[in-house]
Amino acid sequence: MSDTARPIASVIVPAHDEERSIGRLLQGLTTAAGEQGLEVIVVPNGCTDATAARAAAFPHVQVIEIPESSKLLAMRGGSAVATVFPRVYVDADVEIDAESVLGLVDALRSGTVHACGPSRHYALDGVSRLARWYYDVWQELPQAREGLFGRGVIALSEEGHRRFEGAAEAMADDLLLSELFSPEERRVVETASVVVYPARTLPALLRRRVRVRTGNAQADAGRWRSASARTRPATLIGVVRRRPSLALKMPVFVGVAVLSSYRARRAVRHGDFTSWLRDESSRT
C-alpha cells in the first residue's frame, strides 16, 4: 500500500505485557499488511515490559500506549485513531496472517453479516495430556463451534462496531461481542484461520477457566448470555453421541468445569469482575 492509499480495514491489537508473544502475531500479520491495505494499530496498555518497543520494530504498525491496564480501553483507544471500517480486533497472544484478516473483511461486505471470526486451530505442542483432553471436548461443543468467542479475533462492520460501542464493559468481552449479534448476523469464516495457544498444564487451564466462569456469571447477572451459549448436561450427551471417542475424556472436561466453577464463586460473591487471571504457560 502506498503512503497515500486509503486502507481497507483497521486491525487493532490490545496488548498487556505481551513482549514474549506479540512477535509471533506481528511476524505473520505485517508481512503483507501494507501491500494488502491493512492499518495495524497496537495498543500496549498498562505494560511493564517492552511490548511497545517490540511492536514498533515491525513495519506498518502504529503503536498507541495507554497507562491503564484495560483491554476494553485499549480496544476503544485503538478504535479512536483507526481511520476505516471494518475494525478487526486481535488478541496479542494468537496468530493470524493478513490473508485471513482479508477473508474476514470480505465476509462483512454482504451487508447482512456484522461480526465474524476465523476458524480456530490449537497449537497443542507441549500441552499436557489432560489439558489436551479438555480442549478436545470443548472444541466439539455447539457453542464453541458456532460462537465467535474463544478465537482471539473478531471483525466488526460499521454497524457491528456501533453496537459494541454502546455495550457495557464485560469481563467476557469476546462472549459479549458474539452475543450482540443473532446467528444470522455473525459468521465463522472457515477459509480464515487463527492459531490459538491454549494453557499447557492443568493448573494453568484451571486458572483460565476460573476467569471464564467469573465472566459467565457476570453475563448471567446482566441477562445477556443466551441459552445457546450455555453448556448443559444434554449438550455433553450430544457431544458423546456425535463423537463416542470423547467419552473417556469427558470426565476431565466435567471435572475442570466443576472445579473452576467452585473457585470462581469467591470472585462472583465479591463482585470482582476485573481481576484478570492470566495464563503465562501459553506465552513461553
Protein backbone atom coordinates (compact mmCIF):
# COMPACT_ATOMS: atom_id res chain seq x y z
CA MET A 1 0.00 0.00 0.00
CA SER A 2 1.41 3.41 -0.88
CA ASP A 3 1.69 6.18 1.67
CA THR A 4 -1.37 7.92 0.19
CA ALA A 5 -3.59 4.88 -0.40
CA ARG A 6 -6.54 4.53 1.95
CA PRO A 7 -6.50 1.28 3.98
CA ILE A 8 -9.39 -1.14 3.57
CA ALA A 9 -9.58 -2.27 7.21
CA SER A 10 -8.17 -1.42 10.62
CA VAL A 11 -6.60 -4.13 12.78
CA ILE A 12 -6.47 -3.25 16.49
CA VAL A 13 -4.31 -5.30 18.87
CA PRO A 14 -4.75 -4.65 22.64
CA ALA A 15 -1.57 -5.86 24.37
CA HIS A 16 -0.76 -6.07 28.08
CA ASP A 17 2.78 -7.26 28.86
CA GLU A 18 2.95 -9.31 25.65
CA GLU A 19 6.65 -8.82 24.91
CA ARG A 20 7.16 -12.59 24.64
CA SER A 21 4.19 -13.35 22.39
CA ILE A 22 3.37 -10.34 20.23
CA GLY A 23 6.23 -11.02 17.82
CA ARG A 24 4.69 -14.29 16.60
CA LEU A 25 1.47 -12.41 15.75
CA LEU A 26 3.05 -9.39 14.07
CA GLN A 27 5.50 -11.51 12.09
CA GLY A 28 2.68 -13.01 10.04
CA LEU A 29 0.21 -10.16 10.25
CA THR A 30 2.52 -7.42 8.98
CA THR A 31 4.39 -9.36 6.29
CA ALA A 32 1.87 -8.23 3.69
CA ALA A 33 -0.16 -5.74 5.72
CA GLY A 34 0.98 -2.68 3.79
CA GLU A 35 0.51 -4.27 0.40
CA GLN A 36 -2.91 -5.65 1.37
CA GLY A 37 -4.19 -2.33 2.73
CA LEU A 38 -4.35 -3.14 6.43
CA GLU A 39 -3.95 -0.44 9.05
CA VAL A 40 -2.36 -2.18 12.07
CA ILE A 41 -2.64 -0.44 15.47
CA VAL A 42 -1.09 -1.99 18.58
CA VAL A 43 -2.27 -0.60 21.92
CA PRO A 44 0.03 -1.53 24.83
CA ASN A 45 -2.00 -0.93 27.99
CA GLY A 46 -0.53 -0.73 31.49
CA CYS A 47 2.60 -2.52 30.31
CA THR A 48 5.68 -3.01 32.47
CA ASP A 49 7.74 -4.71 29.78
CA ALA A 50 8.97 -3.90 26.26
CA THR A 51 5.72 -4.67 24.43
CA ALA A 52 5.59 -1.22 22.83
CA ALA A 53 9.19 -1.34 21.60
CA ARG A 54 8.76 -4.86 20.29
CA ALA A 55 5.65 -3.87 18.32
CA ALA A 56 7.20 -0.67 16.98
CA ALA A 57 10.03 -2.68 15.42
CA PHE A 58 7.62 -4.18 12.86
CA PRO A 59 6.71 -2.39 9.62
CA HIS A 60 3.24 -0.93 9.03
CA VAL A 61 2.49 -0.83 12.78
CA GLN A 62 1.21 2.19 14.68
CA VAL A 63 1.75 2.00 18.45
CA ILE A 64 -0.57 3.88 20.81
CA GLU A 65 0.27 3.43 24.51
CA ILE A 66 -2.22 3.98 27.33
CA PRO A 67 -1.34 3.87 31.05
CA GLU A 68 -4.38 1.88 32.20
CA SER A 69 -4.34 -1.90 32.18
CA SER A 70 -7.66 -2.45 30.44
CA LYS A 71 -8.45 -4.45 27.32
CA LEU A 72 -11.67 -2.53 26.74
CA LEU A 73 -9.95 0.85 27.00
CA ALA A 74 -7.22 -0.42 24.67
CA MET A 75 -9.81 -1.55 22.13
CA ARG A 76 -11.57 1.79 22.27
CA GLY A 77 -8.30 3.71 22.27
CA GLY A 78 -7.18 1.91 19.13
CA SER A 79 -10.57 2.44 17.51
CA ALA A 80 -10.38 6.18 18.26
CA VAL A 81 -7.34 6.55 15.98
CA ALA A 82 -8.41 3.99 13.37
CA THR A 83 -9.43 5.57 10.08
CA VAL A 84 -11.61 2.96 8.38
CA PHE A 85 -14.14 0.17 8.81
CA PRO A 86 -14.26 -2.78 9.20
CA ARG A 87 -12.42 -2.98 12.52
CA VAL A 88 -10.68 -6.26 13.30
CA TYR A 89 -9.80 -6.81 16.98
CA VAL A 90 -6.99 -9.31 17.56
CA ASP A 91 -5.65 -10.62 20.88
CA ALA A 92 -1.88 -10.25 21.11
CA ASP A 93 -1.30 -13.89 22.06
CA VAL A 94 -2.76 -15.54 18.92
CA GLU A 95 -1.51 -15.84 15.34
CA ILE A 96 -3.35 -14.72 12.22
CA ASP A 97 -1.96 -13.54 8.91
CA ALA A 98 -3.04 -10.73 6.60
CA GLU A 99 -4.72 -13.10 4.16
CA SER A 100 -7.04 -14.48 6.84
CA VAL A 101 -7.86 -10.95 8.02
CA LEU A 102 -8.85 -10.07 4.46
CA GLY A 103 -11.11 -13.14 4.42
CA LEU A 104 -12.94 -11.75 7.43
CA VAL A 105 -13.24 -8.34 5.79
CA ASP A 106 -14.73 -9.93 2.67
CA ALA A 107 -17.36 -11.75 4.76
CA LEU A 108 -18.63 -8.41 6.11
CA ARG A 109 -19.25 -6.97 2.65
CA SER A 110 -22.59 -8.72 2.26
CA GLY A 111 -24.24 -6.12 4.49
CA THR A 112 -26.14 -8.76 6.46
CA VAL A 113 -23.17 -10.10 8.45
CA HIS A 114 -21.93 -7.63 11.05
CA ALA A 115 -19.48 -9.77 13.04
CA CYS A 116 -17.27 -12.66 12.06
CA GLY A 117 -14.34 -14.69 13.27
CA PRO A 118 -11.87 -17.20 11.83
CA SER A 119 -11.77 -20.95 12.20
CA ARG A 120 -9.82 -21.92 15.31
CA HIS A 121 -6.75 -24.17 15.42
CA TYR A 122 -5.00 -25.01 18.68
CA ALA A 123 -1.22 -25.17 18.92
CA LEU A 124 -1.07 -28.32 21.03
CA ASP A 125 2.69 -28.94 21.09
CA GLY A 126 3.80 -29.07 24.70
CA VAL A 127 0.24 -29.20 26.07
CA SER A 128 -0.24 -31.82 28.77
CA ARG A 129 -2.45 -34.83 28.06
CA LEU A 130 -5.23 -33.84 30.48
CA ALA A 131 -5.33 -30.25 29.25
CA ARG A 132 -5.44 -31.55 25.68
CA TRP A 133 -8.36 -33.85 26.55
CA TYR A 134 -10.27 -30.86 27.91
CA TYR A 135 -9.80 -28.93 24.67
CA ASP A 136 -10.72 -31.99 22.59
CA VAL A 137 -14.16 -31.92 24.23
CA TRP A 138 -14.53 -28.14 24.32
CA GLN A 139 -13.96 -27.77 20.60
CA GLU A 140 -16.91 -30.09 19.93
CA LEU A 141 -19.43 -28.04 21.93
CA PRO A 142 -22.01 -26.48 19.58
CA GLN A 143 -21.48 -23.02 21.07
CA ALA A 144 -17.71 -23.30 20.69
CA ARG A 145 -18.12 -24.27 17.04
CA GLU A 146 -20.69 -21.60 16.18
CA GLY A 147 -19.94 -18.73 18.56
CA LEU A 148 -17.27 -16.08 17.96
CA PHE A 149 -15.72 -16.35 21.43
CA GLY A 150 -12.52 -18.23 22.22
CA ARG A 151 -10.91 -17.31 18.91
CA GLY A 152 -8.98 -14.19 19.86
CA VAL A 153 -10.11 -12.43 16.67
CA ILE A 154 -13.36 -10.72 15.79
CA ALA A 155 -14.12 -8.46 12.83
CA LEU A 156 -16.91 -5.89 13.03
CA SER A 157 -18.70 -3.92 10.34
CA GLU A 158 -19.52 -0.28 11.00
CA GLU A 159 -22.96 -1.29 12.25
CA GLY A 160 -21.41 -4.03 14.39
CA HIS A 161 -18.99 -1.55 15.86
CA ARG A 162 -21.83 0.80 16.81
CA ARG A 163 -23.36 -2.00 18.88
CA PHE A 164 -20.02 -2.71 20.54
CA GLU A 165 -19.53 0.96 21.43
CA GLY A 166 -22.93 1.03 23.09
CA ALA A 167 -22.37 -2.14 25.14
CA ALA A 168 -21.43 -2.19 28.80
CA GLU A 169 -17.97 -3.31 29.91
CA ALA A 170 -17.76 -7.06 30.39
CA MET A 171 -15.08 -9.41 31.65
CA ALA A 172 -16.03 -11.94 28.96
CA ASP A 173 -15.56 -9.41 26.16
CA ASP A 174 -15.42 -11.99 23.36
CA LEU A 175 -18.62 -13.64 24.60
CA LEU A 176 -20.28 -10.23 24.73
CA LEU A 177 -19.23 -9.45 21.17
CA SER A 178 -20.60 -12.78 19.98
CA GLU A 179 -23.89 -12.36 21.85
CA LEU A 180 -24.52 -8.87 20.46
CA PHE A 181 -25.44 -10.49 17.15
CA SER A 182 -28.02 -13.03 16.08
CA PRO A 183 -26.82 -16.25 14.42
CA GLU A 184 -27.80 -14.72 11.07
CA GLU A 185 -25.68 -11.63 11.72
CA ARG A 186 -22.49 -13.43 12.71
CA ARG A 187 -20.35 -15.95 10.89
CA VAL A 188 -17.34 -18.21 11.36
CA VAL A 189 -15.29 -17.86 8.18
CA GLU A 190 -13.80 -21.29 7.56
CA THR A 191 -11.35 -20.00 4.94
CA ALA A 192 -9.77 -17.70 7.54
CA SER A 193 -7.64 -19.28 10.25
CA VAL A 194 -6.27 -18.30 13.65
CA VAL A 195 -3.78 -20.25 15.77
CA VAL A 196 -4.73 -20.18 19.46
CA TYR A 197 -2.20 -21.07 22.14
CA PRO A 198 -4.04 -22.93 24.93
CA ALA A 199 -3.00 -23.40 28.53
CA ARG A 200 -0.27 -26.04 28.62
CA THR A 201 -0.91 -27.52 32.04
CA LEU A 202 -3.97 -28.44 34.06
CA PRO A 203 -3.32 -25.77 36.75
CA ALA A 204 -2.93 -23.12 34.03
CA LEU A 205 -6.12 -24.36 32.37
CA LEU A 206 -8.00 -24.11 35.67
CA ARG A 207 -6.77 -20.54 36.07
CA ARG A 208 -8.17 -19.65 32.66
CA ARG A 209 -11.46 -21.39 33.30
CA VAL A 210 -11.98 -19.62 36.64
CA ARG A 211 -11.75 -16.34 34.71
CA VAL A 212 -14.22 -17.63 32.12
CA ARG A 213 -16.64 -18.84 34.78
CA THR A 214 -16.47 -15.47 36.52
CA GLY A 215 -17.18 -13.70 33.24
CA ASN A 216 -20.08 -16.04 32.52
CA ALA A 217 -21.57 -15.27 35.92
CA GLN A 218 -21.41 -11.55 35.13
CA ALA A 219 -23.10 -12.24 31.79
CA ASP A 220 -25.85 -14.22 33.50
CA ALA A 221 -26.39 -11.44 36.04
CA GLY A 222 -26.74 -8.98 33.16
CA ARG A 223 -29.03 -11.42 31.33
CA TRP A 224 -27.22 -11.13 28.04
CA ARG A 225 -25.90 -14.68 27.70
CA SER A 226 -28.27 -16.70 25.54
CA ALA A 227 -29.29 -20.29 26.22
CA SER A 228 -27.37 -21.40 23.14
CA ALA A 229 -24.11 -20.19 24.72
CA ARG A 230 -24.52 -22.41 27.81
CA THR A 231 -23.22 -25.92 28.40
CA ARG A 232 -25.86 -28.24 29.82
CA PRO A 233 -25.77 -32.00 30.52
CA ALA A 234 -27.77 -32.54 27.32
CA THR A 235 -25.07 -30.65 25.42
CA LEU A 236 -22.39 -33.04 26.68
CA ILE A 237 -24.52 -36.09 25.93
CA GLY A 238 -24.96 -34.80 22.39
CA VAL A 239 -21.19 -34.39 22.02
CA VAL A 240 -20.56 -38.00 23.07
CA ARG A 241 -23.27 -39.31 20.77
CA ARG A 242 -21.67 -37.45 17.87
CA ARG A 243 -18.12 -38.37 18.89
CA PRO A 244 -18.13 -41.56 21.02
CA SER A 245 -14.34 -41.46 21.25
CA LEU A 246 -14.67 -38.46 23.58
CA ALA A 247 -16.46 -40.45 26.28
CA LEU A 248 -13.19 -41.29 28.06
CA LYS A 249 -12.14 -37.63 28.01
CA MET A 250 -15.45 -36.26 29.25
CA PRO A 251 -14.67 -36.77 32.98
CA VAL A 252 -11.67 -34.43 32.61
CA PHE A 253 -13.86 -31.78 30.99
CA VAL A 254 -16.55 -32.09 33.65
CA GLY A 255 -14.00 -32.09 36.47
CA VAL A 256 -12.38 -28.89 35.22
CA ALA A 257 -15.80 -27.28 34.77
CA VAL A 258 -16.95 -28.15 38.30
CA LEU A 259 -13.69 -27.13 40.00
CA SER A 260 -13.39 -23.85 38.10
CA SER A 261 -17.00 -23.01 38.91
CA TYR A 262 -16.31 -23.63 42.60
CA ARG A 263 -13.18 -21.47 42.56
CA ALA A 264 -14.98 -18.66 40.74
CA ARG A 265 -17.57 -18.32 43.50
CA ARG A 266 -15.37 -16.09 45.64
CA ALA A 267 -14.88 -13.53 42.87
CA VAL A 268 -18.57 -13.62 41.99
CA ARG A 269 -19.58 -13.27 45.63
CA HIS A 270 -17.45 -10.13 45.94
CA GLY A 271 -18.49 -8.75 42.57
CA ASP A 272 -14.91 -8.91 41.32
CA PHE A 273 -15.20 -8.85 37.55
CA THR A 274 -11.92 -7.05 36.90
CA SER A 275 -9.19 -9.35 38.25
CA TRP A 276 -7.67 -10.97 35.16
CA LEU A 277 -6.36 -14.45 35.96
CA ARG A 278 -3.66 -14.65 33.32
CA ASP A 279 -2.19 -17.85 31.96
CA GLU A 280 1.55 -17.49 31.38
CA SER A 281 2.15 -21.07 30.20
CA SER A 282 0.91 -20.32 26.66
CA ARG A 283 3.21 -17.32 26.33
CA THR A 284 6.53 -19.10 26.76
